[in-house]
All heavy atoms as atom14 arrays in JSON, in Angstrom:
{
  "sequence": "VGVDLKKSNHITIPKYTGVITYKYTQNTK",
  "atom14_mask": [
    [1, 1, 1, 1, 1, 1, 1, 0, 0, 0, 0, 0, 0, 0],
    [1, 1, 1, 1, 0, 0, 0, 0, 0, 0, 0, 0, 0, 0],
    [1, 1, 1, 1, 1, 1, 1, 0, 0, 0, 0, 0, 0, 0],
    [1, 1, 1, 1, 1, 1, 1, 1, 0, 0, 0, 0, 0, 0],
    [1, 1, 1, 1, 1, 1, 1, 1, 0, 0, 0, 0, 0, 0],
    [1, 1, 1, 1, 1, 1, 1, 1, 1, 0, 0, 0, 0, 0],
    [1, 1, 1, 1, 1, 1, 1, 1, 1, 0, 0, 0, 0, 0],
    [1, 1, 1, 1, 1, 1, 0, 0, 0, 0, 0, 0, 0, 0],
    [1, 1, 1, 1, 1, 1, 1, 1, 0, 0, 0, 0, 0, 0],
    [1, 1, 1, 1, 1, 1, 1, 1, 1, 1, 0, 0, 0, 0],
    [1, 1, 1, 1, 1, 1, 1, 1, 0, 0, 0, 0, 0, 0],
    [1, 1, 1, 1, 1, 1, 1, 0, 0, 0, 0, 0, 0, 0],
    [1, 1, 1, 1, 1, 1, 1, 1, 0, 0, 0, 0, 0, 0],
    [1, 1, 1, 1, 1, 1, 1, 0, 0, 0, 0, 0, 0, 0],
    [1, 1, 1, 1, 1, 1, 1, 1, 1, 0, 0, 0, 0, 0],
    [1, 1, 1, 1, 1, 1, 1, 1, 1, 1, 1, 1, 0, 0],
    [1, 1, 1, 1, 1, 1, 1, 0, 0, 0, 0, 0, 0, 0],
    [1, 1, 1, 1, 0, 0, 0, 0, 0, 0, 0, 0, 0, 0],
    [1, 1, 1, 1, 1, 1, 1, 0, 0, 0, 0, 0, 0, 0],
    [1, 1, 1, 1, 1, 1, 1, 1, 0, 0, 0, 0, 0, 0],
    [1, 1, 1, 1, 1, 1, 1, 0, 0, 0, 0, 0, 0, 0],
    [1, 1, 1, 1, 1, 1, 1, 1, 1, 1, 1, 1, 0, 0],
    [1, 1, 1, 1, 1, 1, 1, 1, 1, 0, 0, 0, 0, 0],
    [1, 1, 1, 1, 1, 1, 1, 1, 1, 1, 1, 1, 0, 0],
    [1, 1, 1, 1, 1, 1, 1, 0, 0, 0, 0, 0, 0, 0],
    [1, 1, 1, 1, 1, 1, 1, 1, 1, 0, 0, 0, 0, 0],
    [1, 1, 1, 1, 1, 1, 1, 1, 0, 0, 0, 0, 0, 0],
    [1, 1, 1, 1, 1, 1, 1, 0, 0, 0, 0, 0, 0, 0],
    [1, 1, 1, 1, 1, 1, 1, 1, 1, 0, 0, 0, 0, 0]
  ],
  "atom14_positions": [
    [[-40.46, 34.22, 5.18], [-39.59, 33.52, 6.14], [-38.3, 34.32, 6.27], [-37.78, 34.86, 5.28], [-39.28, 32.08, 5.66], [-38.18, 31.45, 6.5], [-40.54, 31.23, 5.73], [0.0, 0.0, 0.0], [0.0, 0.0, 0.0], [0.0, 0.0, 0.0], [0.0, 0.0, 0.0], [0.0, 0.0, 0.0], [0.0, 0.0, 0.0], [0.0, 0.0, 0.0]],
    [[-37.76, 34.42, 7.48], [-36.52, 35.16, 7.7], [-35.34, 34.42, 7.1], [-35.11, 33.26, 7.43], [0.0, 0.0, 0.0], [0.0, 0.0, 0.0], [0.0, 0.0, 0.0], [0.0, 0.0, 0.0], [0.0, 0.0, 0.0], [0.0, 0.0, 0.0], [0.0, 0.0, 0.0], [0.0, 0.0, 0.0], [0.0, 0.0, 0.0], [0.0, 0.0, 0.0]],
    [[-34.59, 35.08, 6.21], [-33.43, 34.47, 5.55], [-32.24, 35.41, 5.63], [-32.35, 36.6, 5.32], [-33.73, 34.16, 4.07], [-32.48, 33.63, 3.38], [-34.87, 33.16, 3.94], [0.0, 0.0, 0.0], [0.0, 0.0, 0.0], [0.0, 0.0, 0.0], [0.0, 0.0, 0.0], [0.0, 0.0, 0.0], [0.0, 0.0, 0.0], [0.0, 0.0, 0.0]],
    [[-31.1, 34.88, 6.06], [-29.86, 35.68, 6.11], [-28.71, 34.8, 5.65], [-28.56, 33.67, 6.11], [-29.6, 36.2, 7.53], [-28.32, 36.99, 7.61], [-28.26, 38.09, 7.02], [-27.35, 36.52, 8.26], [0.0, 0.0, 0.0], [0.0, 0.0, 0.0], [0.0, 0.0, 0.0], [0.0, 0.0, 0.0], [0.0, 0.0, 0.0], [0.0, 0.0, 0.0]],
    [[-27.9, 35.3, 4.71], [-26.74, 34.56, 4.21], [-25.52, 35.47, 4.27], [-25.56, 36.6, 3.79], [-26.97, 34.08, 2.78], [-25.84, 33.21, 2.17], [-26.43, 32.19, 1.2], [-24.81, 34.06, 1.45], [0.0, 0.0, 0.0], [0.0, 0.0, 0.0], [0.0, 0.0, 0.0], [0.0, 0.0, 0.0], [0.0, 0.0, 0.0], [0.0, 0.0, 0.0]],
    [[-24.46, 34.97, 4.88], [-23.22, 35.75, 4.9], [-22.03, 34.83, 4.68], [-22.01, 33.68, 5.11], [-23.08, 36.5, 6.23], [-23.06, 35.63, 7.47], [-22.99, 36.5, 8.72], [-23.01, 35.64, 9.99], [-23.0, 36.46, 11.21], [0.0, 0.0, 0.0], [0.0, 0.0, 0.0], [0.0, 0.0, 0.0], [0.0, 0.0, 0.0], [0.0, 0.0, 0.0]],
    [[-21.04, 35.36, 3.98], [-19.8, 34.62, 3.72], [-18.83, 34.83, 4.87], [-18.85, 35.87, 5.53], [-19.19, 35.09, 2.4], [-20.02, 34.72, 1.18], [-19.32, 35.1, -0.12], [-19.47, 36.56, -0.43], [-18.97, 36.9, -1.78], [0.0, 0.0, 0.0], [0.0, 0.0, 0.0], [0.0, 0.0, 0.0], [0.0, 0.0, 0.0], [0.0, 0.0, 0.0]],
    [[-17.99, 33.83, 5.1], [-17.0, 33.92, 6.17], [-15.74, 33.17, 5.74], [-15.82, 32.14, 5.06], [-17.55, 33.31, 7.46], [-16.55, 33.28, 8.46], [0.0, 0.0, 0.0], [0.0, 0.0, 0.0], [0.0, 0.0, 0.0], [0.0, 0.0, 0.0], [0.0, 0.0, 0.0], [0.0, 0.0, 0.0], [0.0, 0.0, 0.0], [0.0, 0.0, 0.0]],
    [[-14.59, 33.71, 6.15], [-13.31, 33.05, 5.83], [-12.89, 32.04, 6.88], [-11.93, 31.3, 6.68], [-12.21, 34.11, 5.66], [-12.4, 34.96, 4.42], [-12.85, 34.46, 3.39], [-12.11, 36.24, 4.53], [0.0, 0.0, 0.0], [0.0, 0.0, 0.0], [0.0, 0.0, 0.0], [0.0, 0.0, 0.0], [0.0, 0.0, 0.0], [0.0, 0.0, 0.0]],
    [[-13.6, 32.03, 7.99], [-13.24, 31.08, 9.05], [-14.5, 30.55, 9.73], [-15.14, 31.24, 10.51], [-12.34, 31.75, 10.1], [-11.85, 30.8, 11.13], [-10.76, 29.97, 10.94], [-12.3, 30.52, 12.39], [-10.56, 29.24, 12.03], [-11.49, 29.56, 12.91], [0.0, 0.0, 0.0], [0.0, 0.0, 0.0], [0.0, 0.0, 0.0], [0.0, 0.0, 0.0]],
    [[-14.86, 29.34, 9.38], [-16.04, 28.68, 9.97], [-15.57, 27.38, 10.63], [-14.77, 26.64, 10.06], [-17.09, 28.36, 8.89], [-17.69, 29.66, 8.35], [-18.19, 27.45, 9.44], [-18.67, 29.45, 7.21], [0.0, 0.0, 0.0], [0.0, 0.0, 0.0], [0.0, 0.0, 0.0], [0.0, 0.0, 0.0], [0.0, 0.0, 0.0], [0.0, 0.0, 0.0]],
    [[-16.04, 27.14, 11.83], [-15.73, 25.89, 12.53], [-16.98, 25.04, 12.62], [-18.03, 25.51, 13.08], [-15.19, 26.17, 13.95], [-14.0, 26.95, 13.86], [-14.88, 24.86, 14.68], [0.0, 0.0, 0.0], [0.0, 0.0, 0.0], [0.0, 0.0, 0.0], [0.0, 0.0, 0.0], [0.0, 0.0, 0.0], [0.0, 0.0, 0.0], [0.0, 0.0, 0.0]],
    [[-16.87, 23.81, 12.16], [-18.0, 22.87, 12.22], [-17.6, 21.7, 13.11], [-16.57, 21.07, 12.88], [-18.36, 22.38, 10.8], [-18.91, 23.56, 9.99], [-19.39, 21.26, 10.86], [-19.34, 23.2, 8.58], [0.0, 0.0, 0.0], [0.0, 0.0, 0.0], [0.0, 0.0, 0.0], [0.0, 0.0, 0.0], [0.0, 0.0, 0.0], [0.0, 0.0, 0.0]],
    [[-18.39, 21.43, 14.15], [-18.03, 20.37, 15.11], [-18.14, 18.98, 14.49], [-18.77, 18.79, 13.44], [-19.06, 20.55, 16.23], [-20.25, 21.14, 15.54], [-19.7, 22.04, 14.47], [0.0, 0.0, 0.0], [0.0, 0.0, 0.0], [0.0, 0.0, 0.0], [0.0, 0.0, 0.0], [0.0, 0.0, 0.0], [0.0, 0.0, 0.0], [0.0, 0.0, 0.0]],
    [[-17.53, 18.04, 15.15], [-17.61, 16.66, 14.66], [-18.95, 16.03, 15.05], [-19.62, 16.5, 15.98], [-16.47, 15.82, 15.23], [-16.53, 15.61, 16.74], [-15.37, 14.75, 17.19], [-15.43, 14.5, 18.71], [-14.32, 13.66, 19.17], [0.0, 0.0, 0.0], [0.0, 0.0, 0.0], [0.0, 0.0, 0.0], [0.0, 0.0, 0.0], [0.0, 0.0, 0.0]],
    [[-19.31, 15.0, 14.36], [-20.52, 14.23, 14.67], [-20.24, 13.4, 15.92], [-19.25, 12.68, 16.0], [-20.86, 13.32, 13.49], [-22.03, 12.4, 13.74], [-23.32, 12.9, 13.85], [-21.85, 11.02, 13.84], [-24.4, 12.06, 14.06], [-22.93, 10.18, 14.05], [-24.21, 10.71, 14.16], [-25.27, 9.87, 14.38], [0.0, 0.0, 0.0], [0.0, 0.0, 0.0]],
    [[-21.12, 13.54, 16.93], [-20.88, 12.88, 18.21], [-21.66, 11.57, 18.37], [-21.57, 10.91, 19.4], [-21.23, 13.82, 19.38], [-22.6, 14.25, 19.24], [-20.32, 15.03, 19.39], [0.0, 0.0, 0.0], [0.0, 0.0, 0.0], [0.0, 0.0, 0.0], [0.0, 0.0, 0.0], [0.0, 0.0, 0.0], [0.0, 0.0, 0.0], [0.0, 0.0, 0.0]],
    [[-22.44, 11.22, 17.36], [-23.19, 9.97, 17.44], [-22.36, 8.79, 16.96], [-21.13, 8.89, 16.8], [0.0, 0.0, 0.0], [0.0, 0.0, 0.0], [0.0, 0.0, 0.0], [0.0, 0.0, 0.0], [0.0, 0.0, 0.0], [0.0, 0.0, 0.0], [0.0, 0.0, 0.0], [0.0, 0.0, 0.0], [0.0, 0.0, 0.0], [0.0, 0.0, 0.0]],
    [[-23.02, 7.7, 16.73], [-22.36, 6.48, 16.25], [-22.85, 6.18, 14.84], [-24.06, 6.08, 14.6], [-22.66, 5.29, 17.18], [-22.0, 4.02, 16.64], [-22.17, 5.58, 18.59], [0.0, 0.0, 0.0], [0.0, 0.0, 0.0], [0.0, 0.0, 0.0], [0.0, 0.0, 0.0], [0.0, 0.0, 0.0], [0.0, 0.0, 0.0], [0.0, 0.0, 0.0]],
    [[-21.91, 6.05, 13.91], [-22.27, 5.72, 12.53], [-22.13, 4.21, 12.34], [-21.04, 3.66, 12.5], [-21.38, 6.47, 11.52], [-21.57, 7.99, 11.67], [-21.69, 6.04, 10.1], [-20.67, 8.81, 10.79], [0.0, 0.0, 0.0], [0.0, 0.0, 0.0], [0.0, 0.0, 0.0], [0.0, 0.0, 0.0], [0.0, 0.0, 0.0], [0.0, 0.0, 0.0]],
    [[-23.23, 3.56, 12.04], [-23.19, 2.1, 11.84], [-23.72, 1.76, 10.45], [-24.67, 2.38, 9.96], [-24.06, 1.39, 12.9], [-25.39, 1.9, 12.84], [-23.49, 1.6, 14.29], [0.0, 0.0, 0.0], [0.0, 0.0, 0.0], [0.0, 0.0, 0.0], [0.0, 0.0, 0.0], [0.0, 0.0, 0.0], [0.0, 0.0, 0.0], [0.0, 0.0, 0.0]],
    [[-23.1, 0.79, 9.83], [-23.54, 0.3, 8.52], [-23.95, -1.17, 8.68], [-23.11, -2.01, 9.0], [-22.42, 0.44, 7.5], [-22.09, 1.88, 7.16], [-21.05, 2.54, 7.8], [-22.83, 2.56, 6.21], [-20.76, 3.86, 7.49], [-22.55, 3.88, 5.89], [-21.51, 4.53, 6.55], [-21.23, 5.83, 6.24], [0.0, 0.0, 0.0], [0.0, 0.0, 0.0]],
    [[-25.23, -1.44, 8.49], [-25.74, -2.8, 8.68], [-25.68, -3.64, 7.4], [-25.53, -4.87, 7.46], [-27.19, -2.75, 9.16], [-27.37, -2.12, 10.54], [-28.85, -2.12, 10.92], [-29.05, -1.51, 12.28], [-30.49, -1.48, 12.67], [0.0, 0.0, 0.0], [0.0, 0.0, 0.0], [0.0, 0.0, 0.0], [0.0, 0.0, 0.0], [0.0, 0.0, 0.0]],
    [[-25.8, -2.99, 6.26], [-25.98, -3.75, 5.02], [-24.81, -3.64, 4.05], [-24.64, -4.51, 3.19], [-27.26, -3.29, 4.33], [-28.46, -3.32, 5.24], [-28.99, -2.14, 5.77], [-29.04, -4.52, 5.63], [-30.07, -2.15, 6.64], [-30.12, -4.56, 6.49], [-30.62, -3.37, 7.01], [-31.69, -3.4, 7.87], [0.0, 0.0, 0.0], [0.0, 0.0, 0.0]],
    [[-24.0, -2.59, 4.15], [-22.87, -2.45, 3.22], [-21.7, -3.31, 3.7], [-21.41, -3.38, 4.88], [-22.42, -0.98, 3.13], [-22.16, -0.48, 4.45], [-23.48, -0.13, 2.48], [0.0, 0.0, 0.0], [0.0, 0.0, 0.0], [0.0, 0.0, 0.0], [0.0, 0.0, 0.0], [0.0, 0.0, 0.0], [0.0, 0.0, 0.0], [0.0, 0.0, 0.0]],
    [[-21.04, -3.93, 2.74], [-19.88, -4.78, 3.04], [-18.74, -4.46, 2.08], [-18.97, -4.01, 0.96], [-20.26, -6.26, 2.9], [-21.33, -6.73, 3.88], [-21.69, -8.18, 3.69], [-21.19, -8.82, 2.76], [-22.54, -8.71, 4.54], [0.0, 0.0, 0.0], [0.0, 0.0, 0.0], [0.0, 0.0, 0.0], [0.0, 0.0, 0.0], [0.0, 0.0, 0.0]],
    [[-17.53, -4.67, 2.55], [-16.37, -4.47, 1.69], [-16.33, -5.54, 0.61], [-16.6, -6.71, 0.86], [-15.08, -4.53, 2.51], [-14.96, -3.37, 3.48], [-15.45, -2.28, 3.2], [-14.32, -3.6, 4.61], [0.0, 0.0, 0.0], [0.0, 0.0, 0.0], [0.0, 0.0, 0.0], [0.0, 0.0, 0.0], [0.0, 0.0, 0.0], [0.0, 0.0, 0.0]],
    [[-16.02, -5.14, -0.61], [-15.88, -6.12, -1.7], [-14.51, -6.74, -1.66], [-13.51, -6.09, -1.35], [-16.08, -5.42, -3.06], [-15.17, -4.34, -3.16], [-17.5, -4.9, -3.19], [0.0, 0.0, 0.0], [0.0, 0.0, 0.0], [0.0, 0.0, 0.0], [0.0, 0.0, 0.0], [0.0, 0.0, 0.0], [0.0, 0.0, 0.0], [0.0, 0.0, 0.0]],
    [[-14.45, -8.0, -1.93], [-13.16, -8.71, -1.88], [-12.47, -8.64, -3.24], [-13.09, -8.57, -4.27], [-13.4, -10.18, -1.49], [-13.96, -10.3, -0.09], [-14.16, -11.76, 0.29], [-14.74, -11.89, 1.7], [-14.96, -13.31, 2.07], [0.0, 0.0, 0.0], [0.0, 0.0, 0.0], [0.0, 0.0, 0.0], [0.0, 0.0, 0.0], [0.0, 0.0, 0.0]]
  ]
}
């Protein structure tokens, strides 16, 4: 399988554009 790894001092990662929903977790009082 083709594999390439390189280090970089400046990488930009975009934000998540979907919707994050939590159905079951709740804040503890």
